[in-house]
PDB file of N, CA and C in Angstrom:
ATOM      1  N   MET A   1      67.841 -27.789 -38.996  1.00  0.00           N
ATOM      2  CA  MET A   1      66.381 -27.619 -38.877  1.00  0.00           C
ATOM      3  C   MET A   1      65.955 -27.125 -37.559  1.00  0.00           C
ATOM      4  N   LYS A   2      66.486 -27.734 -36.503  1.00  0.00           N
ATOM      5  CA  LYS A   2      66.198 -27.363 -35.170  1.00  0.00           C
ATOM      6  C   LYS A   2      66.631 -25.946 -34.829  1.00  0.00           C
ATOM      7  N   LYS A   3      67.770 -25.508 -35.350  1.00  0.00           N
ATOM      8  CA  LYS A   3      68.297 -24.170 -35.159  1.00  0.00           C
ATOM      9  C   LYS A   3      67.358 -23.156 -35.832  1.00  0.00           C
ATOM     10  N   ASN A   4      66.847 -23.491 -36.996  1.00  0.00           N
ATOM     11  CA  ASN A   4      65.901 -22.603 -37.732  1.00  0.00           C
ATOM     12  C   ASN A   4      64.602 -22.452 -36.957  1.00  0.00           C
ATOM     13  N   MET A   5      64.143 -23.554 -36.318  1.00  0.00           N
ATOM     14  CA  MET A   5      62.915 -23.509 -35.600  1.00  0.00           C
ATOM     15  C   MET A   5      63.034 -22.594 -34.336  1.00  0.00           C
ATOM     16  N   LYS A   6      64.179 -22.676 -33.695  1.00  0.00           N
ATOM     17  CA  LYS A   6      64.447 -21.793 -32.536  1.00  0.00           C
ATOM     18  C   LYS A   6      64.481 -20.311 -32.999  1.00  0.00           C
ATOM     19  N   LEU A   7      65.086 -20.074 -34.103  1.00  0.00           N
ATOM     20  CA  LEU A   7      65.159 -18.729 -34.645  1.00  0.00           C
ATOM     21  C   LEU A   7      63.791 -18.164 -34.996  1.00  0.00           C
ATOM     22  N   VAL A   8      62.940 -19.060 -35.576  1.00  0.00           N
ATOM     23  CA  VAL A   8      61.586 -18.611 -35.977  1.00  0.00           C
ATOM     24  C   VAL A   8      60.779 -18.287 -34.668  1.00  0.00           C
ATOM     25  N   LEU A   9      60.996 -18.954 -33.623  1.00  0.00           N
ATOM     26  CA  LEU A   9      60.270 -18.705 -32.366  1.00  0.00           C
ATOM     27  C   LEU A   9      60.859 -17.567 -31.595  1.00  0.00           C
ATOM     28  N   PHE A  10      62.141 -17.320 -31.741  1.00  0.00           N
ATOM     29  CA  PHE A  10      62.820 -16.296 -30.979  1.00  0.00           C
ATOM     30  C   PHE A  10      62.656 -14.951 -31.521  1.00  0.00           C
ATOM     31  N   ILE A  11      62.596 -14.768 -32.809  1.00  0.00           N
ATOM     32  CA  ILE A  11      62.420 -13.444 -33.434  1.00  0.00           C
ATOM     33  C   ILE A  11      61.081 -12.769 -33.045  1.00  0.00           C
ATOM     34  N   PRO A  12      59.911 -13.442 -33.184  1.00  0.00           N
ATOM     35  CA  PRO A  12      58.648 -12.768 -32.677  1.00  0.00           C
ATOM     36  C   PRO A  12      58.652 -12.485 -31.196  1.00  0.00           C
ATOM     37  N   LEU A  13      59.317 -13.279 -30.438  1.00  0.00           N
ATOM     38  CA  LEU A  13      59.441 -12.988 -28.998  1.00  0.00           C
ATOM     39  C   LEU A  13      60.182 -11.671 -28.779  1.00  0.00           C
ATOM     40  N   ILE A  14      61.275 -11.512 -29.457  1.00  0.00           N
ATOM     41  CA  ILE A  14      62.048 -10.249 -29.311  1.00  0.00           C
ATOM     42  C   ILE A  14      61.270  -9.050 -29.820  1.00  0.00           C
ATOM     43  N   ILE A  15      60.673  -9.232 -30.961  1.00  0.00           N
ATOM     44  CA  ILE A  15      59.843  -8.104 -31.546  1.00  0.00           C
ATOM     45  C   ILE A  15      58.733  -7.755 -30.545  1.00  0.00           C
ATOM     46  N   GLY A  16      58.052  -8.748 -30.002  1.00  0.00           N
ATOM     47  CA  GLY A  16      56.963  -8.466 -29.085  1.00  0.00           C
ATOM     48  C   GLY A  16      57.468  -7.801 -27.783  1.00  0.00           C
ATOM     49  N   ALA A  17      58.564  -8.172 -27.330  1.00  0.00           N
ATOM     50  CA  ALA A  17      59.108  -7.611 -26.083  1.00  0.00           C
ATOM     51  C   ALA A  17      59.602  -6.156 -26.256  1.00  0.00           C
ATOM     52  N   THR A  18      60.150  -5.819 -27.457  1.00  0.00           N
ATOM     53  CA  THR A  18      60.541  -4.474 -27.666  1.00  0.00           C
ATOM     54  C   THR A  18      59.413  -3.562 -28.164  1.00  0.00           C
ATOM     55  N   GLY A  19      58.329  -4.124 -28.549  1.00  0.00           N
ATOM     56  CA  GLY A  19      57.206  -3.303 -28.909  1.00  0.00           C
ATOM     57  C   GLY A  19      56.526  -2.502 -27.801  1.00  0.00           C
ATOM     58  N   CYS A  20      56.757  -2.913 -26.581  1.00  0.00           N
ATOM     59  CA  CYS A  20      56.131  -2.282 -25.399  1.00  0.00           C
ATOM     60  C   CYS A  20      57.203  -1.494 -24.665  1.00  0.00           C
ATOM     61  N   ALA A  21      58.308  -1.090 -25.323  1.00  0.00           N
ATOM     62  CA  ALA A  21      59.403  -0.446 -24.599  1.00  0.00           C
ATOM     63  C   ALA A  21      59.019   0.978 -24.224  1.00  0.00           C
ATOM     64  N   ASN A  22      58.180   1.669 -24.950  1.00  0.00           N
ATOM     65  CA  ASN A  22      57.877   3.079 -24.747  1.00  0.00           C
ATOM     66  C   ASN A  22      56.393   3.279 -24.561  1.00  0.00           C
ATOM     67  N   LEU A  23      55.864   3.039 -23.418  1.00  0.00           N
ATOM     68  CA  LEU A  23      54.456   3.134 -23.125  1.00  0.00           C
ATOM     69  C   LEU A  23      54.100   4.396 -22.336  1.00  0.00           C
ATOM     70  N   GLY A  24      55.091   5.148 -21.879  1.00  0.00           N
ATOM     71  CA  GLY A  24      54.820   6.352 -21.105  1.00  0.00           C
ATOM     72  C   GLY A  24      54.465   7.523 -21.951  1.00  0.00           C
ATOM     73  N   VAL A  25      53.995   8.550 -21.237  1.00  0.00           N
ATOM     74  CA  VAL A  25      53.626   9.815 -21.914  1.00  0.00           C
ATOM     75  C   VAL A  25      54.795  10.777 -21.787  1.00  0.00           C
ATOM     76  N   GLU A  26      55.231  11.329 -22.858  1.00  0.00           N
ATOM     77  CA  GLU A  26      56.383  12.242 -22.795  1.00  0.00           C
ATOM     78  C   GLU A  26      55.845  13.628 -22.263  1.00  0.00           C
ATOM     79  N   PRO A  27      56.777  14.434 -21.680  1.00  0.00           N
ATOM     80  CA  PRO A  27      56.364  15.690 -21.115  1.00  0.00           C
ATOM     81  C   PRO A  27      55.681  16.629 -22.188  1.00  0.00           C
ATOM     82  N   TRP A  28      56.181  16.583 -23.396  1.00  0.00           N
ATOM     83  CA  TRP A  28      55.625  17.447 -24.429  1.00  0.00           C
ATOM     84  C   TRP A  28      54.298  16.927 -24.985  1.00  0.00           C
ATOM     85  N   GLU A  29      53.900  15.740 -24.628  1.00  0.00           N
ATOM     86  CA  GLU A  29      52.631  15.199 -25.051  1.00  0.00           C
ATOM     87  C   GLU A  29      51.537  15.425 -24.021  1.00  0.00           C
ATOM     88  N   ARG A  30      51.859  15.832 -22.816  1.00  0.00           N
ATOM     89  CA  ARG A  30      50.899  15.971 -21.752  1.00  0.00           C
ATOM     90  C   ARG A  30      49.926  17.106 -22.046  1.00  0.00           C
ATOM     91  N   ASP A  31      50.404  18.242 -22.700  1.00  0.00           N
ATOM     92  CA  ASP A  31      49.441  19.294 -22.969  1.00  0.00           C
ATOM     93  C   ASP A  31      48.344  18.891 -23.939  1.00  0.00           C
ATOM     94  N   LEU A  32      48.635  18.008 -24.830  1.00  0.00           N
ATOM     95  CA  LEU A  32      47.643  17.512 -25.750  1.00  0.00           C
ATOM     96  C   LEU A  32      46.612  16.664 -25.079  1.00  0.00           C
ATOM     97  N   LEU A  33      47.142  15.817 -24.135  1.00  0.00           N
ATOM     98  CA  LEU A  33      46.204  14.933 -23.446  1.00  0.00           C
ATOM     99  C   LEU A  33      45.339  15.595 -22.348  1.00  0.00           C
ATOM    100  N   ALA A  34      45.693  16.836 -21.953  1.00  0.00           N
ATOM    101  CA  ALA A  34      45.001  17.531 -20.939  1.00  0.00           C
ATOM    102  C   ALA A  34      43.806  18.347 -21.583  1.00  0.00           C
ATOM    103  N   LYS A  35      43.701  18.379 -22.873  1.00  0.00           N
ATOM    104  CA  LYS A  35      42.613  19.184 -23.470  1.00  0.00           C
ATOM    105  C   LYS A  35      41.239  18.507 -23.203  1.00  0.00           C
ATOM    106  N   ASP A  36      40.207  19.239 -23.225  1.00  0.00           N
ATOM    107  CA  ASP A  36      38.884  18.743 -22.953  1.00  0.00           C
ATOM    108  C   ASP A  36      38.413  17.750 -24.076  1.00  0.00           C
ATOM    109  N   GLU A  37      38.883  17.983 -25.247  1.00  0.00           N
ATOM    110  CA  GLU A  37      38.529  17.032 -26.334  1.00  0.00           C
ATOM    111  C   GLU A  37      39.054  15.617 -26.158  1.00  0.00           C
ATOM    112  N   MET A  38      40.170  15.540 -25.354  1.00  0.00           N
ATOM    113  CA  MET A  38      40.794  14.233 -25.199  1.00  0.00           C
ATOM    114  C   MET A  38      40.257  13.456 -24.000  1.00  0.00           C
ATOM    115  N   SER A  39      39.284  14.040 -23.254  1.00  0.00           N
ATOM    116  CA  SER A  39      38.745  13.331 -22.076  1.00  0.00           C
ATOM    117  C   SER A  39      37.841  12.242 -22.539  1.00  0.00           C
ATOM    118  N   LEU A  40      37.569  11.322 -21.723  1.00  0.00           N
ATOM    119  CA  LEU A  40      36.669  10.179 -22.063  1.00  0.00           C
ATOM    120  C   LEU A  40      35.228  10.698 -22.183  1.00  0.00           C
ATOM    121  N   ASN A  41      34.947  11.768 -21.565  1.00  0.00           N
ATOM    122  CA  ASN A  41      33.578  12.293 -21.575  1.00  0.00           C
ATOM    123  C   ASN A  41      33.718  13.811 -21.981  1.00  0.00           C
ATOM    124  N   ALA A  42      33.881  14.020 -23.335  1.00  0.00           N
ATOM    125  CA  ALA A  42      34.133  15.385 -23.829  1.00  0.00           C
ATOM    126  C   ALA A  42      32.862  16.216 -23.773  1.00  0.00           C
ATOM    127  N   ALA A  43      31.666  15.639 -23.804  1.00  0.00           N
ATOM    128  CA  ALA A  43      30.403  16.308 -23.822  1.00  0.00           C
ATOM    129  C   ALA A  43      29.567  15.761 -22.649  1.00  0.00           C
ATOM    130  N   PRO A  44      29.743  16.236 -21.451  1.00  0.00           N
ATOM    131  CA  PRO A  44      29.008  15.724 -20.294  1.00  0.00           C
ATOM    132  C   PRO A  44      27.474  15.795 -20.391  1.00  0.00           C
ATOM    133  N   VAL A  45      26.969  16.881 -21.001  1.00  0.00           N
ATOM    134  CA  VAL A  45      25.524  17.017 -21.098  1.00  0.00           C
ATOM    135  C   VAL A  45      24.963  15.946 -22.002  1.00  0.00           C
ATOM    136  N   ASP A  46      25.623  15.725 -23.160  1.00  0.00           N
ATOM    137  CA  ASP A  46      25.127  14.646 -24.107  1.00  0.00           C
ATOM    138  C   ASP A  46      25.257  13.279 -23.439  1.00  0.00           C
ATOM    139  N   ALA A  47      26.282  13.031 -22.671  1.00  0.00           N
ATOM    140  CA  ALA A  47      26.476  11.795 -22.013  1.00  0.00           C
ATOM    141  C   ALA A  47      25.371  11.551 -20.938  1.00  0.00           C
ATOM    142  N   ALA A  48      25.007  12.566 -20.213  1.00  0.00           N
ATOM    143  CA  ALA A  48      23.983  12.454 -19.264  1.00  0.00           C
ATOM    144  C   ALA A  48      22.654  12.140 -19.894  1.00  0.00           C
ATOM    145  N   LEU A  49      22.399  12.823 -21.041  1.00  0.00           N
ATOM    146  CA  LEU A  49      21.182  12.569 -21.813  1.00  0.00           C
ATOM    147  C   LEU A  49      21.146  11.141 -22.305  1.00  0.00           C
ATOM    148  N   ASP A  50      22.235  10.684 -22.866  1.00  0.00           N
ATOM    149  CA  ASP A  50      22.310   9.286 -23.357  1.00  0.00           C
ATOM    150  C   ASP A  50      22.094   8.304 -22.237  1.00  0.00           C
ATOM    151  N   ASP A  51      22.664   8.545 -21.043  1.00  0.00           N
ATOM    152  CA  ASP A  51      22.519   7.680 -19.957  1.00  0.00           C
ATOM    153  C   ASP A  51      20.999   7.668 -19.531  1.00  0.00           C
ATOM    154  N   HIS A  52      20.365   8.807 -19.501  1.00  0.00           N
ATOM    155  CA  HIS A  52      18.986   8.854 -19.061  1.00  0.00           C
ATOM    156  C   HIS A  52      18.095   8.035 -20.093  1.00  0.00           C
ATOM    157  N   ILE A  53      18.387   8.194 -21.382  1.00  0.00           N
ATOM    158  CA  ILE A  53      17.590   7.433 -22.354  1.00  0.00           C
ATOM    159  C   ILE A  53      17.895   5.948 -22.203  1.00  0.00           C
ATOM    160  N   TYR A  54      19.083   5.529 -22.069  1.00  0.00           N
ATOM    161  CA  TYR A  54      19.432   4.164 -21.916  1.00  0.00           C
ATOM    162  C   TYR A  54      18.778   3.514 -20.722  1.00  0.00           C
ATOM    163  N   PHE A  55      18.894   4.209 -19.564  1.00  0.00           N
ATOM    164  CA  PHE A  55      18.287   3.612 -18.357  1.00  0.00           C
ATOM    165  C   PHE A  55      16.804   3.623 -18.424  1.00  0.00           C
ATOM    166  N   SER A  56      16.152   4.591 -19.104  1.00  0.00           N
ATOM    167  CA  SER A  56      14.688   4.545 -19.244  1.00  0.00           C
ATOM    168  C   SER A  56      14.229   3.476 -20.105  1.00  0.00           C
ATOM    169  N   LYS A  57      14.979   3.137 -21.157  1.00  0.00           N
ATOM    170  CA  LYS A  57      14.585   2.041 -22.020  1.00  0.00           C
ATOM    171  C   LYS A  57      14.851   0.698 -21.353  1.00  0.00           C
ATOM    172  N   GLU A  58      15.838   0.601 -20.572  1.00  0.00           N
ATOM    173  CA  GLU A  58      16.256  -0.693 -19.898  1.00  0.00           C
ATOM    174  C   GLU A  58      15.470  -0.899 -18.671  1.00  0.00           C
ATOM    175  N   ALA A  59      14.857   0.119 -18.156  1.00  0.00           N
ATOM    176  CA  ALA A  59      14.109   0.023 -16.895  1.00  0.00           C
ATOM    177  C   ALA A  59      14.960  -0.457 -15.766  1.00  0.00           C
ATOM    178  N   SER A  60      16.199  -0.053 -15.731  1.00  0.00           N
ATOM    179  CA  SER A  60      17.155  -0.406 -14.659  1.00  0.00           C
ATOM    180  C   SER A  60      18.195   0.649 -14.500  1.00  0.00           C
ATOM    181  N   SER A  61      19.057   0.467 -13.532  1.00  0.00           N
ATOM    182  CA  SER A  61      20.136   1.442 -13.386  1.00  0.00           C
ATOM    183  C   SER A  61      21.425   0.671 -13.245  1.00  0.00           C
ATOM    184  N   GLY A  62      22.479   1.252 -13.724  1.00  0.00           N
ATOM    185  CA  GLY A  62      23.743   0.610 -13.746  1.00  0.00           C
ATOM    186  C   GLY A  62      23.877  -0.461 -14.844  1.00  0.00           C
ATOM    187  N   GLY A  63      25.069  -0.990 -15.002  1.00  0.00           N
ATOM    188  CA  GLY A  63      25.301  -2.009 -15.952  1.00  0.00           C
ATOM    189  C   GLY A  63      25.295  -1.558 -17.388  1.00  0.00           C
ATOM    190  N   LYS A  64      25.743  -0.297 -17.609  1.00  0.00           N
ATOM    191  CA  LYS A  64      25.705   0.312 -18.947  1.00  0.00           C
ATOM    192  C   LYS A  64      26.711  -0.504 -19.861  1.00  0.00           C
ATOM    193  N   GLY A  65      27.819  -0.959 -19.308  1.00  0.00           N
ATOM    194  CA  GLY A  65      28.785  -1.653 -20.091  1.00  0.00           C
ATOM    195  C   GLY A  65      28.537  -3.138 -20.306  1.00  0.00           C
ATOM    196  N   PHE A  66      27.365  -3.668 -19.811  1.00  0.00           N
ATOM    197  CA  PHE A  66      27.048  -5.002 -19.929  1.00  0.00           C
ATOM    198  C   PHE A  66      26.281  -5.248 -21.206  1.00  0.00           C
ATOM    199  N   GLY A  67      26.535  -6.383 -21.897  1.00  0.00           N
ATOM    200  CA  GLY A  67      25.888  -6.643 -23.185  1.00  0.00           C
ATOM    201  C   GLY A  67      24.482  -7.244 -22.926  1.00  0.00           C
ATOM    202  N   GLY A  68      23.690  -7.151 -23.872  1.00  0.00           N
ATOM    203  CA  GLY A  68      22.357  -7.727 -23.796  1.00  0.00           C
ATOM    204  C   GLY A  68      21.239  -6.693 -23.541  1.00  0.00           C
ATOM    205  N   GLY A  69      20.035  -7.083 -23.699  1.00  0.00           N
ATOM    206  CA  GLY A  69      18.960  -6.147 -23.514  1.00  0.00           C
ATOM    207  C   GLY A  69      18.240  -6.474 -22.212  1.00  0.00           C
ATOM    208  N   GLY A  70      17.239  -5.572 -21.909  1.00  0.00           N
ATOM    209  CA  GLY A  70      16.439  -5.747 -20.642  1.00  0.00           C
ATOM    210  C   GLY A  70      15.450  -6.843 -20.779  1.00  0.00           C
ATOM    211  N   CYS A  71      15.196  -7.319 -21.971  1.00  0.00           N
ATOM    212  CA  CYS A  71      14.172  -8.400 -22.143  1.00  0.00           C
ATOM    213  C   CYS A  71      14.697  -9.781 -21.832  1.00  0.00           C
ATOM    214  N   GLY A  72      15.965  -9.914 -21.594  1.00  0.00           N
ATOM    215  CA  GLY A  72      16.511 -11.178 -21.237  1.00  0.00           C
ATOM    216  C   GLY A  72      17.064 -11.909 -22.534  1.00  0.00           C
ATOM    217  N   CYS A  73      17.030 -11.287 -23.599  1.00  0.00           N
ATOM    218  CA  CYS A  73      17.555 -11.915 -24.838  1.00  0.00           C
ATOM    219  C   CYS A  73      18.949 -11.411 -25.143  1.00  0.00           C
ATOM    220  N   ASN A  74      19.922 -12.057 -24.488  1.00  0.00           N
ATOM    221  CA  ASN A  74      21.284 -11.698 -24.663  1.00  0.00           C
ATOM    222  C   ASN A  74      21.764 -12.103 -25.983  1.00  0.00           C
TER     223      ASN A  74
END
């Protein structure tokens, strides 16, 4: 029973450790990641407009990633 318990705990540990073995970007994948569509901000004009609307509604600047509204009702 004790041996089975060790095996049950050991197998997920090994699977979890090998799941992160290949986190790098291969050379043939770099051309795909360099495209404008793959950037975090693919449409800078739309992002600037969205930022302007957000900050106008919130009556503040910064803190775009913070949850909650400007009224204090988080």
